[in-house]
């Protein structure tokens, strides 16, 4: 956890590197998990490129049958 904190200190984003890959293989502490996976998976980049997209999806049309199935 200490190494993760040092790695992430002062950085706005998580960038893929051999160090991050090695740390991921050893395990990500719970307090850093969301931030790491958002960065490594590319989800954060998608959110930055499409601001408000998720909220627009939530406000769109709903199919009650589909919602019930889910």
N, C-alpha and C. Protein backbone atom coordinates (compact mmCIF):
# COMPACT_ATOMS: atom_id res chain seq x y z
N UNK A 1 0.83 -1.20 0.00
CA UNK A 1 0.00 0.00 0.00
C UNK A 1 0.87 1.25 0.00
N UNK A 2 1.99 1.20 0.70
CA UNK A 2 2.88 2.36 0.77
C UNK A 2 3.48 2.64 -0.61
N UNK A 3 3.89 1.57 -1.31
CA UNK A 3 4.46 1.75 -2.64
C UNK A 3 3.43 2.33 -3.60
N UNK A 4 2.19 1.87 -3.51
CA UNK A 4 1.12 2.40 -4.35
C UNK A 4 0.92 3.88 -4.06
N UNK A 5 0.89 4.24 -2.80
CA UNK A 5 0.69 5.65 -2.43
C UNK A 5 1.81 6.52 -2.99
N UNK A 6 3.04 6.03 -2.92
CA UNK A 6 4.17 6.79 -3.46
C UNK A 6 4.07 6.91 -4.97
N UNK A 7 3.66 5.83 -5.63
CA UNK A 7 3.53 5.84 -7.08
C UNK A 7 2.47 6.83 -7.54
N UNK A 8 1.38 6.92 -6.82
CA UNK A 8 0.25 7.75 -7.23
C UNK A 8 0.34 9.19 -6.73
N UNK A 9 1.23 9.46 -5.80
CA UNK A 9 1.32 10.79 -5.18
C UNK A 9 1.61 11.86 -6.22
N UNK A 10 0.75 12.86 -6.24
CA UNK A 10 0.94 14.00 -7.11
C UNK A 10 0.55 13.79 -8.56
N UNK A 11 0.11 12.59 -8.91
CA UNK A 11 -0.28 12.32 -10.30
C UNK A 11 -1.79 12.45 -10.44
N UNK A 12 -2.20 13.08 -11.51
CA UNK A 12 -3.63 13.18 -11.78
C UNK A 12 -4.18 11.91 -12.41
N UNK A 13 -3.31 11.22 -13.15
CA UNK A 13 -3.74 10.03 -13.87
C UNK A 13 -2.77 8.89 -13.65
N UNK A 14 -3.27 7.70 -13.91
CA UNK A 14 -2.44 6.50 -13.84
C UNK A 14 -2.01 6.17 -15.26
N UNK A 15 -0.72 6.05 -15.48
CA UNK A 15 -0.22 5.71 -16.80
C UNK A 15 0.33 4.30 -16.79
N UNK A 16 0.08 3.59 -17.87
CA UNK A 16 0.58 2.22 -17.98
C UNK A 16 2.11 2.25 -18.01
N UNK A 17 2.69 1.38 -17.25
CA UNK A 17 4.14 1.23 -17.24
C UNK A 17 4.47 -0.15 -16.70
N UNK A 18 5.73 -0.53 -16.81
CA UNK A 18 6.13 -1.84 -16.28
C UNK A 18 5.98 -1.87 -14.76
N UNK A 19 6.20 -0.75 -14.12
CA UNK A 19 6.04 -0.68 -12.66
C UNK A 19 4.59 -0.89 -12.27
N UNK A 20 3.67 -0.20 -12.93
CA UNK A 20 2.24 -0.34 -12.63
C UNK A 20 1.80 -1.78 -12.90
N UNK A 21 2.27 -2.36 -14.00
CA UNK A 21 1.93 -3.75 -14.33
C UNK A 21 2.39 -4.70 -13.23
N UNK A 22 3.61 -4.51 -12.75
CA UNK A 22 4.15 -5.36 -11.68
C UNK A 22 3.35 -5.20 -10.39
N UNK A 23 3.02 -3.95 -10.07
CA UNK A 23 2.23 -3.69 -8.86
C UNK A 23 0.85 -4.32 -8.96
N UNK A 24 0.22 -4.23 -10.14
CA UNK A 24 -1.11 -4.81 -10.33
C UNK A 24 -1.07 -6.31 -10.09
N UNK A 25 -0.04 -6.95 -10.61
CA UNK A 25 0.08 -8.40 -10.44
C UNK A 25 0.23 -8.79 -8.97
N UNK A 26 0.81 -7.91 -8.18
CA UNK A 26 0.97 -8.19 -6.75
C UNK A 26 -0.29 -7.86 -5.96
N UNK A 27 -1.16 -7.04 -6.55
CA UNK A 27 -2.42 -6.69 -5.90
C UNK A 27 -2.56 -5.20 -5.69
N UNK A 28 -3.78 -4.73 -5.84
CA UNK A 28 -4.07 -3.31 -5.68
C UNK A 28 -4.83 -3.11 -4.37
N UNK A 29 -4.31 -2.26 -3.49
CA UNK A 29 -5.03 -2.00 -2.23
C UNK A 29 -6.41 -1.41 -2.52
N UNK A 30 -7.36 -1.74 -1.69
CA UNK A 30 -8.74 -1.33 -1.88
C UNK A 30 -8.89 0.18 -2.07
N UNK A 31 -8.13 0.97 -1.33
CA UNK A 31 -8.29 2.42 -1.41
C UNK A 31 -7.83 3.00 -2.75
N UNK A 32 -7.05 2.25 -3.53
CA UNK A 32 -6.56 2.73 -4.82
C UNK A 32 -7.21 2.02 -6.01
N UNK A 33 -8.00 1.00 -5.75
CA UNK A 33 -8.50 0.12 -6.80
C UNK A 33 -9.31 0.85 -7.88
N UNK A 34 -10.24 1.68 -7.50
CA UNK A 34 -11.10 2.37 -8.48
C UNK A 34 -10.26 3.26 -9.38
N UNK A 35 -9.38 4.04 -8.80
CA UNK A 35 -8.55 4.97 -9.57
C UNK A 35 -7.64 4.22 -10.54
N UNK A 36 -7.04 3.13 -10.09
CA UNK A 36 -6.14 2.35 -10.93
C UNK A 36 -6.90 1.76 -12.11
N UNK A 37 -8.01 1.09 -11.85
CA UNK A 37 -8.73 0.43 -12.93
C UNK A 37 -9.36 1.43 -13.89
N UNK A 38 -9.78 2.56 -13.42
CA UNK A 38 -10.31 3.59 -14.32
C UNK A 38 -9.22 4.05 -15.29
N UNK A 39 -8.01 4.20 -14.79
CA UNK A 39 -6.91 4.65 -15.63
C UNK A 39 -6.38 3.57 -16.55
N UNK A 40 -6.14 2.39 -16.03
CA UNK A 40 -5.53 1.31 -16.80
C UNK A 40 -6.49 0.76 -17.86
N UNK A 41 -7.78 0.72 -17.55
CA UNK A 41 -8.76 0.17 -18.50
C UNK A 41 -9.10 1.14 -19.63
N UNK A 42 -8.78 2.41 -19.45
CA UNK A 42 -9.13 3.41 -20.45
C UNK A 42 -10.47 4.07 -20.18
N UNK A 43 -11.14 3.67 -19.12
CA UNK A 43 -12.45 4.23 -18.81
C UNK A 43 -12.36 5.73 -18.51
N UNK A 44 -11.31 6.15 -17.81
CA UNK A 44 -11.16 7.57 -17.49
C UNK A 44 -10.98 8.39 -18.76
N UNK A 45 -10.21 7.89 -19.71
CA UNK A 45 -10.02 8.60 -20.97
C UNK A 45 -11.34 8.72 -21.72
N UNK A 46 -12.14 7.65 -21.72
CA UNK A 46 -13.45 7.69 -22.38
C UNK A 46 -14.36 8.72 -21.71
N UNK A 47 -14.33 8.77 -20.39
CA UNK A 47 -15.16 9.74 -19.66
C UNK A 47 -14.72 11.16 -19.97
N UNK A 48 -13.41 11.37 -20.09
CA UNK A 48 -12.90 12.70 -20.40
C UNK A 48 -13.27 13.13 -21.82
N UNK A 49 -13.29 12.19 -22.75
CA UNK A 49 -13.62 12.50 -24.14
C UNK A 49 -15.12 12.69 -24.35
N UNK A 50 -15.94 12.12 -23.48
CA UNK A 50 -17.39 12.18 -23.62
C UNK A 50 -18.05 12.65 -22.33
N UNK A 51 -17.80 13.90 -21.93
CA UNK A 51 -18.38 14.36 -20.67
C UNK A 51 -19.91 14.34 -20.71
N UNK A 52 -20.51 13.84 -19.65
CA UNK A 52 -21.95 13.81 -19.53
C UNK A 52 -22.64 12.65 -20.25
N UNK A 53 -21.88 11.80 -20.92
CA UNK A 53 -22.48 10.70 -21.69
C UNK A 53 -23.26 9.74 -20.80
N UNK A 54 -22.68 9.37 -19.67
CA UNK A 54 -23.36 8.44 -18.77
C UNK A 54 -24.69 9.02 -18.28
N UNK A 55 -24.69 10.29 -17.93
CA UNK A 55 -25.93 10.92 -17.46
C UNK A 55 -26.98 10.96 -18.58
N UNK A 56 -26.54 11.20 -19.81
CA UNK A 56 -27.48 11.19 -20.94
C UNK A 56 -28.06 9.80 -21.14
N UNK A 57 -27.26 8.77 -20.94
CA UNK A 57 -27.78 7.41 -21.05
C UNK A 57 -28.83 7.14 -19.98
N UNK A 58 -28.57 7.61 -18.78
CA UNK A 58 -29.52 7.41 -17.69
C UNK A 58 -30.84 8.13 -17.94
N UNK A 59 -30.79 9.26 -18.60
CA UNK A 59 -31.99 10.05 -18.84
C UNK A 59 -32.73 9.64 -20.12
N UNK A 60 -32.15 8.74 -20.89
CA UNK A 60 -32.76 8.32 -22.15
C UNK A 60 -33.99 7.45 -21.92
N UNK A 61 -34.54 6.96 -23.02
CA UNK A 61 -35.74 6.13 -22.96
C UNK A 61 -35.44 4.81 -22.23
N UNK A 62 -36.44 4.34 -21.50
CA UNK A 62 -36.32 3.08 -20.78
C UNK A 62 -37.33 2.07 -21.33
N UNK A 63 -36.89 0.87 -21.52
CA UNK A 63 -37.77 -0.23 -21.91
C UNK A 63 -38.08 -1.01 -20.63
N UNK A 64 -39.30 -0.91 -20.14
CA UNK A 64 -39.66 -1.54 -18.87
C UNK A 64 -39.44 -3.05 -18.89
N UNK A 65 -39.70 -3.70 -20.02
CA UNK A 65 -39.49 -5.15 -20.10
C UNK A 65 -38.01 -5.50 -19.96
N UNK A 66 -37.17 -4.71 -20.61
CA UNK A 66 -35.73 -4.93 -20.51
C UNK A 66 -35.25 -4.67 -19.09
N UNK A 67 -35.73 -3.61 -18.49
CA UNK A 67 -35.34 -3.27 -17.13
C UNK A 67 -35.75 -4.37 -16.16
N UNK A 68 -36.94 -4.92 -16.35
CA UNK A 68 -37.41 -6.01 -15.51
C UNK A 68 -36.55 -7.26 -15.68
N UNK A 69 -36.14 -7.53 -16.91
CA UNK A 69 -35.29 -8.70 -17.18
C UNK A 69 -33.94 -8.57 -16.51
N UNK A 70 -33.43 -7.37 -16.49
CA UNK A 70 -32.12 -7.13 -15.86
C UNK A 70 -32.25 -7.28 -14.36
